[in-house]
Amino acid sequence: MSQIQAQHSTPSGQSSAPLLALDDLAVHYAVTGRLGTGKRMLKAVDGIDLDVKPGECLGLVGESGCGKSTLALAIMGLVPPTRGHIRIAGQDIGARDRPDRKLMARTVQMVFQDPYASLNPRQTVRRTLAAPLRLHGVNDKAEVESRVADMLARVGLRPEHADRYPHEFSGGQRQRIGIARALILKPRLVICDEPVSALDVSIRAQIINLLLELKDELGLSYIMISHDLGVVEHMSDRVAVMYLGRIVERGGWREIFENPRHPYTRALIAAIPDPFRQHAATARDKAKGEIASALNPPSGCHFHPRCPMKQDRCTVEAPTLDPVTAGHGEIGHWAACHYADRVGAA
């Protein structure tokens, strides 16, 4: 990971108004029981307040099943929210609002996890990149060819690659094509859903560096979804930690990684195999057991069955996401823990 370029500051001159704002966002699914009897509510996302500023990279981390991908699909307009509101580049998406799909596509795009499954094997690279342009009214052949060639160059591919099919490329090259497809309409926000987890370790740094370079060149904002905290630490300006559909901690990358205030965040960081990390992992930091089911989440604090610091209060009272004021926490550091001050001192 040492080859990855670090970037943690929002570009100067960018507006401070959020490009994306989530207000009490929830996505619930009705799940039918066995043999078609009874229904239970699966709370994949349950009351998220979050924002992304222009030019910023927000890291979204958490274990599998915590709701990260569902949150991404809701932002994309592909999953309707049960309650709450999404406002992106001036467009509102709520439980009763139907998003303008074409406008959304020109504003927010996604880079998917699996570069093998996300590309149509029957389409050449040229057709893959040209189709969105034509769908959005770019019909001049010379302009289409120019934009396709320019985007291939930006992601490190050659002009002759345009006439090849996905099976002719390596995994890293396919992900470059996926990035090119996401950027061809010049969106402002790109959601990267585990963009390097399916790639060989030897080329992960190349893809991360490419994303950072494109962020600077094109003035992009990113939501970097990952369970790999090493990637998130290098890329993100701010980090939000998600557990069972809720944000349990958010703040600047330095505060999250050097002064985590939620036991779950400490457990995630303790799992990073880094002998040079400032705060060495201890037995107290490590979480016990497996993540609970979103169909039957624990009462009170959802993390309490695995928390090494739990008290009786944690089992009955759900903590709210509040500013961290003790210690050297900076403005903008929030944690949903009744004993955040003790966690910081631990």
Protein backbone atom coordinates (compact mmCIF):
# COMPACT_ATOMS: atom_id res chain seq x y z
CA MET A 1 0.00 0.00 0.00
CA SER A 2 3.03 2.26 0.22
CA GLN A 3 2.82 2.92 -3.54
CA ILE A 4 -0.56 4.58 -3.15
CA GLN A 5 -0.59 8.35 -3.27
CA ALA A 6 -2.15 9.88 -0.15
CA GLN A 7 -4.70 12.65 -0.61
CA HIS A 8 -6.69 14.03 2.27
CA SER A 9 -7.54 17.65 1.54
CA THR A 10 -10.53 19.08 -0.27
CA PRO A 11 -9.42 21.16 -3.28
CA SER A 12 -9.35 24.88 -2.68
CA GLY A 13 -11.97 27.03 -4.36
CA GLN A 14 -14.69 24.37 -4.02
CA SER A 15 -18.09 25.34 -2.65
CA SER A 16 -18.76 24.30 0.95
CA ALA A 17 -22.42 23.51 0.14
CA PRO A 18 -22.98 19.75 0.06
CA LEU A 19 -23.20 18.06 -3.32
CA LEU A 20 -25.06 15.21 -1.61
CA ALA A 21 -27.13 15.41 1.56
CA LEU A 22 -28.94 12.50 3.26
CA ASP A 23 -31.57 13.26 5.89
CA ASP A 24 -32.89 10.40 8.07
CA LEU A 25 -32.58 8.02 5.12
CA ALA A 26 -34.04 4.54 5.61
CA VAL A 27 -34.46 1.57 3.27
CA HIS A 28 -36.58 -1.26 4.68
CA TYR A 29 -37.63 -4.48 2.98
CA ALA A 30 -40.62 -6.66 3.86
CA VAL A 31 -39.34 -10.23 4.05
CA THR A 32 -41.78 -13.15 3.92
CA GLY A 33 -41.20 -15.98 6.36
CA ARG A 34 -40.83 -19.64 5.56
CA LEU A 35 -43.72 -21.26 3.66
CA GLY A 36 -45.04 -17.79 2.87
CA THR A 37 -46.25 -17.11 6.39
CA GLY A 38 -45.75 -13.82 8.18
CA LYS A 39 -43.64 -10.84 7.24
CA ARG A 40 -40.73 -9.21 8.98
CA MET A 41 -39.01 -5.94 8.24
CA LEU A 42 -35.36 -6.00 7.21
CA LYS A 43 -33.88 -2.60 8.05
CA ALA A 44 -30.96 -2.49 5.61
CA VAL A 45 -30.51 1.26 6.11
CA ASP A 46 -32.06 2.82 9.19
CA GLY A 47 -31.85 6.59 9.66
CA ILE A 48 -28.71 7.89 7.94
CA ASP A 49 -27.67 11.56 8.08
CA LEU A 50 -24.67 12.20 5.84
CA ASP A 51 -23.28 14.66 3.32
CA VAL A 52 -20.57 14.86 0.67
CA LYS A 53 -19.02 18.18 -0.36
CA PRO A 54 -17.73 19.03 -3.84
CA GLY A 55 -14.23 17.67 -4.43
CA GLU A 56 -14.36 15.47 -1.33
CA CYS A 57 -13.81 11.74 -0.90
CA LEU A 58 -16.01 10.21 1.80
CA GLY A 59 -14.99 6.74 2.92
CA LEU A 60 -17.86 4.45 3.95
CA VAL A 61 -16.68 1.40 5.87
CA GLY A 62 -18.19 -1.54 7.68
CA GLU A 63 -18.49 -5.31 7.59
CA SER A 64 -20.43 -7.16 4.90
CA GLY A 65 -24.15 -6.90 5.53
CA CYS A 66 -24.06 -3.53 7.27
CA GLY A 67 -26.00 -1.77 4.46
CA LYS A 68 -23.25 0.01 2.51
CA SER A 69 -24.31 -1.21 -0.94
CA THR A 70 -28.00 -0.62 -0.24
CA LEU A 71 -27.16 2.95 0.72
CA ALA A 72 -25.27 3.34 -2.56
CA LEU A 73 -28.20 2.01 -4.59
CA ALA A 74 -30.56 4.43 -2.84
CA ILE A 75 -28.28 7.36 -3.70
CA MET A 76 -28.20 6.15 -7.31
CA GLY A 77 -32.00 6.18 -7.37
CA LEU A 78 -32.14 2.42 -7.97
CA VAL A 79 -33.77 1.60 -4.62
CA PRO A 80 -36.65 3.75 -3.29
CA PRO A 81 -36.17 5.02 0.26
CA THR A 82 -38.72 3.98 2.88
CA ARG A 83 -38.40 7.32 4.61
CA GLY A 84 -36.10 10.30 4.69
CA HIS A 85 -34.67 12.40 1.93
CA ILE A 86 -31.81 12.46 -0.54
CA ARG A 87 -30.77 15.74 -2.12
CA ILE A 88 -28.12 15.55 -4.82
CA ALA A 89 -27.06 18.51 -6.93
CA GLY A 90 -30.39 20.21 -6.24
CA GLN A 91 -32.60 17.20 -7.00
CA ASP A 92 -34.73 15.70 -4.23
CA ILE A 93 -35.23 11.96 -3.94
CA GLY A 94 -37.63 10.90 -1.23
CA ALA A 95 -40.11 8.14 -0.53
CA ARG A 96 -42.64 9.91 -2.79
CA ASP A 97 -40.27 11.48 -5.30
CA ARG A 98 -39.50 9.84 -8.63
CA PRO A 99 -36.00 10.82 -9.74
CA ASP A 100 -35.20 12.02 -13.24
CA ARG A 101 -33.13 9.03 -14.36
CA LYS A 102 -31.24 10.86 -17.12
CA LEU A 103 -30.40 13.78 -14.87
CA MET A 104 -29.27 11.39 -12.16
CA ALA A 105 -27.02 9.55 -14.64
CA ARG A 106 -25.30 12.83 -15.55
CA THR A 107 -24.78 13.65 -11.88
CA VAL A 108 -23.87 10.41 -10.13
CA GLN A 109 -22.33 7.19 -11.46
CA MET A 110 -20.96 4.00 -9.93
CA VAL A 111 -17.81 1.93 -10.33
CA PHE A 112 -18.74 -1.65 -9.47
CA GLN A 113 -16.85 -4.24 -7.46
CA ASP A 114 -16.55 -7.00 -10.06
CA PRO A 115 -14.93 -5.86 -13.34
CA TYR A 116 -15.77 -9.24 -14.90
CA ALA A 117 -19.53 -9.13 -14.26
CA SER A 118 -20.13 -5.40 -14.77
CA LEU A 119 -19.24 -5.28 -18.50
CA ASN A 120 -21.37 -6.65 -21.32
CA PRO A 121 -19.28 -9.43 -22.93
CA ARG A 122 -21.00 -8.87 -26.31
CA GLN A 123 -20.10 -5.20 -26.61
CA THR A 124 -16.77 -3.73 -27.61
CA VAL A 125 -15.23 -1.08 -25.43
CA ARG A 126 -16.15 1.54 -28.02
CA ARG A 127 -19.81 0.59 -27.92
CA THR A 128 -19.79 0.37 -24.11
CA LEU A 129 -18.55 3.96 -23.85
CA ALA A 130 -20.50 5.39 -26.80
CA ALA A 131 -23.92 4.04 -25.80
CA PRO A 132 -24.40 6.40 -22.79
CA LEU A 133 -23.38 9.39 -24.91
CA ARG A 134 -25.93 8.60 -27.62
CA LEU A 135 -28.62 7.91 -25.03
CA HIS A 136 -28.03 11.40 -23.65
CA GLY A 137 -28.23 13.15 -27.01
CA VAL A 138 -24.63 13.17 -28.24
CA ASN A 139 -25.19 11.95 -31.79
CA ASP A 140 -22.34 13.60 -33.70
CA LYS A 141 -20.05 10.73 -34.67
CA ALA A 142 -16.87 12.80 -34.52
CA GLU A 143 -17.71 14.08 -31.02
CA VAL A 144 -18.54 10.59 -29.80
CA GLU A 145 -15.26 9.21 -31.16
CA SER A 146 -13.33 12.11 -29.65
CA ARG A 147 -14.86 11.67 -26.18
CA VAL A 148 -14.36 7.91 -26.23
CA ALA A 149 -10.68 8.29 -27.25
CA ASP A 150 -10.13 11.00 -24.63
CA MET A 151 -11.65 8.89 -21.85
CA LEU A 152 -9.61 5.82 -22.82
CA ALA A 153 -6.46 7.92 -22.63
CA ARG A 154 -7.45 9.31 -19.22
CA VAL A 155 -7.77 5.82 -17.75
CA GLY A 156 -4.50 4.60 -19.25
CA LEU A 157 -5.77 2.59 -22.24
CA ARG A 158 -4.69 2.86 -25.89
CA PRO A 159 -6.89 3.78 -28.91
CA GLU A 160 -6.74 0.25 -30.34
CA HIS A 161 -8.37 -1.08 -27.16
CA ALA A 162 -11.66 0.48 -28.27
CA ASP A 163 -12.40 -2.35 -30.72
CA ARG A 164 -11.72 -5.20 -28.30
CA TYR A 165 -14.15 -7.16 -26.13
CA PRO A 166 -14.01 -7.48 -22.32
CA HIS A 167 -12.64 -11.05 -22.38
CA GLU A 168 -9.49 -9.73 -24.08
CA PHE A 169 -8.49 -7.67 -21.03
CA SER A 170 -7.03 -8.38 -17.60
CA GLY A 171 -8.96 -7.60 -14.41
CA GLY A 172 -7.16 -4.30 -13.90
CA GLN A 173 -7.81 -3.23 -17.50
CA ARG A 174 -11.47 -4.15 -17.16
CA GLN A 175 -11.76 -1.98 -14.08
CA ARG A 176 -10.20 0.88 -16.05
CA ILE A 177 -12.94 0.39 -18.64
CA GLY A 178 -15.54 0.41 -15.85
CA ILE A 179 -14.10 3.69 -14.57
CA ALA A 180 -14.16 5.14 -18.10
CA ARG A 181 -17.81 4.14 -18.50
CA ALA A 182 -18.69 5.78 -15.17
CA LEU A 183 -16.96 9.04 -16.19
CA ILE A 184 -18.01 9.30 -19.85
CA LEU A 185 -21.07 11.46 -18.99
CA LYS A 186 -18.96 13.77 -16.81
CA PRO A 187 -20.73 13.13 -13.48
CA ARG A 188 -19.96 15.13 -10.37
CA LEU A 189 -20.22 12.27 -7.86
CA VAL A 190 -18.83 8.75 -8.33
CA ILE A 191 -19.70 5.91 -5.95
CA CYS A 192 -16.88 3.37 -5.84
CA ASP A 193 -18.29 0.11 -4.46
CA GLU A 194 -15.27 -1.99 -3.41
CA PRO A 195 -13.49 -1.03 -6.66
CA VAL A 196 -10.27 -2.95 -5.96
CA SER A 197 -11.37 -5.89 -3.81
CA ALA A 198 -11.66 -8.25 -6.81
CA LEU A 199 -8.26 -7.28 -8.22
CA ASP A 200 -4.80 -8.73 -7.66
CA VAL A 201 -2.85 -7.05 -4.90
CA SER A 202 -0.14 -6.06 -7.39
CA ILE A 203 -2.49 -3.76 -9.35
CA ARG A 204 -4.69 -2.36 -6.59
CA ALA A 205 -2.35 0.57 -6.03
CA GLN A 206 -2.48 1.43 -9.75
CA ILE A 207 -6.28 1.67 -9.72
CA ILE A 208 -6.35 3.69 -6.50
CA ASN A 209 -3.77 6.13 -7.88
CA LEU A 210 -5.79 6.43 -11.10
CA LEU A 211 -8.93 7.30 -9.13
CA LEU A 212 -7.02 9.95 -7.17
CA GLU A 213 -5.59 11.47 -10.35
CA LEU A 214 -9.01 11.61 -12.02
CA LYS A 215 -10.48 13.19 -8.88
CA ASP A 216 -8.02 16.07 -9.20
CA GLU A 217 -8.22 16.41 -12.99
CA LEU A 218 -12.00 16.34 -13.25
CA GLY A 219 -13.00 17.85 -9.89
CA LEU A 220 -14.89 14.74 -8.82
CA SER A 221 -16.41 13.79 -5.49
CA TYR A 222 -16.20 10.17 -4.37
CA ILE A 223 -17.98 7.87 -1.98
CA MET A 224 -15.44 5.10 -1.41
CA ILE A 225 -17.23 2.02 -0.08
CA SER A 226 -14.84 -0.57 1.29
CA HIS A 227 -14.12 -3.00 4.08
CA ASP A 228 -10.40 -2.42 3.44
CA LEU A 229 -9.53 0.37 5.84
CA GLY A 230 -6.05 0.69 4.35
CA VAL A 231 -7.56 1.89 1.06
CA VAL A 232 -10.01 4.18 2.84
CA GLU A 233 -7.29 5.73 4.99
CA HIS A 234 -5.22 6.67 1.94
CA MET A 235 -8.07 8.03 -0.17
CA SER A 236 -10.59 9.68 2.13
CA ASP A 237 -10.96 13.20 3.44
CA ARG A 238 -13.68 12.06 5.85
CA VAL A 239 -14.81 8.61 6.99
CA ALA A 240 -18.21 7.26 8.06
CA VAL A 241 -18.39 3.92 9.88
CA MET A 242 -21.58 1.88 9.37
CA TYR A 243 -22.97 -0.96 11.47
CA LEU A 244 -26.32 -2.71 10.92
CA GLY A 245 -27.83 0.11 8.89
CA ARG A 246 -26.66 2.99 11.10
CA ILE A 247 -23.71 5.38 11.12
CA VAL A 248 -21.88 4.77 14.40
CA GLU A 249 -18.99 7.19 13.87
CA ARG A 250 -17.95 9.83 11.36
CA GLY A 251 -15.24 12.44 11.14
CA GLY A 252 -11.98 13.45 9.51
CA TRP A 253 -9.74 10.58 8.44
CA ARG A 254 -7.07 11.46 10.97
CA GLU A 255 -9.50 11.55 13.89
CA ILE A 256 -11.11 8.27 12.87
CA PHE A 257 -7.84 6.38 12.46
CA GLU A 258 -5.80 7.97 15.24
CA ASN A 259 -8.50 8.70 17.84
CA PRO A 260 -11.51 6.41 17.20
CA ARG A 261 -14.34 6.90 19.70
CA HIS A 262 -16.60 3.94 18.95
CA PRO A 263 -15.63 0.40 20.01
CA TYR A 264 -16.64 -0.94 16.59
CA THR A 265 -14.32 1.50 14.84
CA ARG A 266 -11.50 0.44 17.14
CA ALA A 267 -12.24 -3.20 16.31
CA LEU A 268 -12.05 -2.52 12.58
CA ILE A 269 -8.76 -0.65 12.92
CA ALA A 270 -7.35 -3.36 15.20
CA ALA A 271 -7.88 -5.83 12.35
CA ILE A 272 -5.55 -3.91 10.00
CA PRO A 273 -2.23 -5.81 9.78
CA ASP A 274 0.08 -2.81 10.21
CA PRO A 275 3.03 -3.14 12.64
CA PHE A 276 3.75 0.59 12.39
CA ARG A 277 0.30 1.79 13.42
CA GLN A 278 0.41 4.31 16.23
CA HIS A 279 -2.25 2.58 18.34
CA ALA A 280 -1.40 -1.10 18.60
CA ALA A 281 -4.29 -3.55 18.73
CA THR A 282 -5.13 -4.95 22.14
CA ALA A 283 -7.44 -7.72 23.27
CA ARG A 284 -9.83 -5.04 24.53
CA ASP A 285 -10.17 -3.54 21.05
CA LYS A 286 -11.25 -6.74 19.34
CA ALA A 287 -14.94 -7.44 18.80
CA LYS A 288 -16.34 -10.85 19.68
CA GLY A 289 -18.83 -12.89 17.68
CA GLU A 290 -20.50 -12.20 14.35
CA ILE A 291 -22.55 -9.29 13.06
CA ALA A 292 -26.24 -9.71 13.97
CA SER A 293 -29.02 -10.07 11.41
CA ALA A 294 -30.75 -6.91 10.18
CA LEU A 295 -33.99 -8.92 10.44
CA ASN A 296 -33.59 -9.15 14.20
CA PRO A 297 -31.14 -6.47 15.37
CA PRO A 298 -30.21 -6.32 19.06
CA SER A 299 -32.04 -3.88 21.28
CA GLY A 300 -30.40 -0.66 22.40
CA CYS A 301 -26.98 -0.27 20.84
CA HIS A 302 -26.83 -2.76 17.96
CA PHE A 303 -23.16 -3.43 18.71
CA HIS A 304 -23.57 -4.29 22.39
CA PRO A 305 -23.49 -8.14 22.04
CA ARG A 306 -19.96 -7.85 20.60
CA CYS A 307 -18.72 -4.81 22.52
CA PRO A 308 -15.90 -5.29 25.07
CA MET A 309 -17.08 -2.16 26.94
CA LYS A 310 -20.84 -2.77 27.17
CA GLN A 311 -22.82 -1.75 30.23
CA ASP A 312 -26.47 -2.37 31.18
CA ARG A 313 -27.47 0.93 29.60
CA CYS A 314 -26.19 -0.24 26.21
CA THR A 315 -28.66 -3.15 26.07
CA VAL A 316 -31.80 -0.99 26.38
CA GLU A 317 -30.96 2.54 25.15
CA ALA A 318 -29.89 3.25 21.58
CA PRO A 319 -27.15 5.91 21.52
CA THR A 320 -27.49 8.94 19.27
CA LEU A 321 -24.78 10.22 16.94
CA ASP A 322 -23.39 13.11 18.97
CA PRO A 323 -20.35 15.40 18.65
CA VAL A 324 -17.24 14.22 20.44
CA THR A 325 -16.10 16.98 22.77
CA ALA A 326 -13.57 15.35 25.10
CA GLY A 327 -9.92 14.71 24.34
CA HIS A 328 -8.43 16.29 21.20
CA GLY A 329 -11.45 15.59 18.95
CA GLU A 330 -11.85 18.16 16.21
CA ILE A 331 -15.10 19.78 15.10
CA GLY A 332 -16.96 17.35 12.89
CA HIS A 333 -16.08 14.18 14.82
CA TRP A 334 -19.24 12.33 15.87
CA ALA A 335 -19.81 8.99 17.60
CA ALA A 336 -22.90 6.97 18.58
CA CYS A 337 -21.64 5.52 21.85
CA HIS A 338 -22.77 6.19 25.43
CA TYR A 339 -19.16 5.96 26.56
CA ALA A 340 -17.31 7.67 23.70
CA ASP A 341 -15.12 9.58 26.16
CA ARG A 342 -13.99 6.33 27.79
CA VAL A 343 -13.29 4.77 24.38
CA GLY A 344 -11.06 7.71 23.48
CA ALA A 345 -9.15 7.31 26.74
CA ALA A 346 -8.84 3.55 26.43
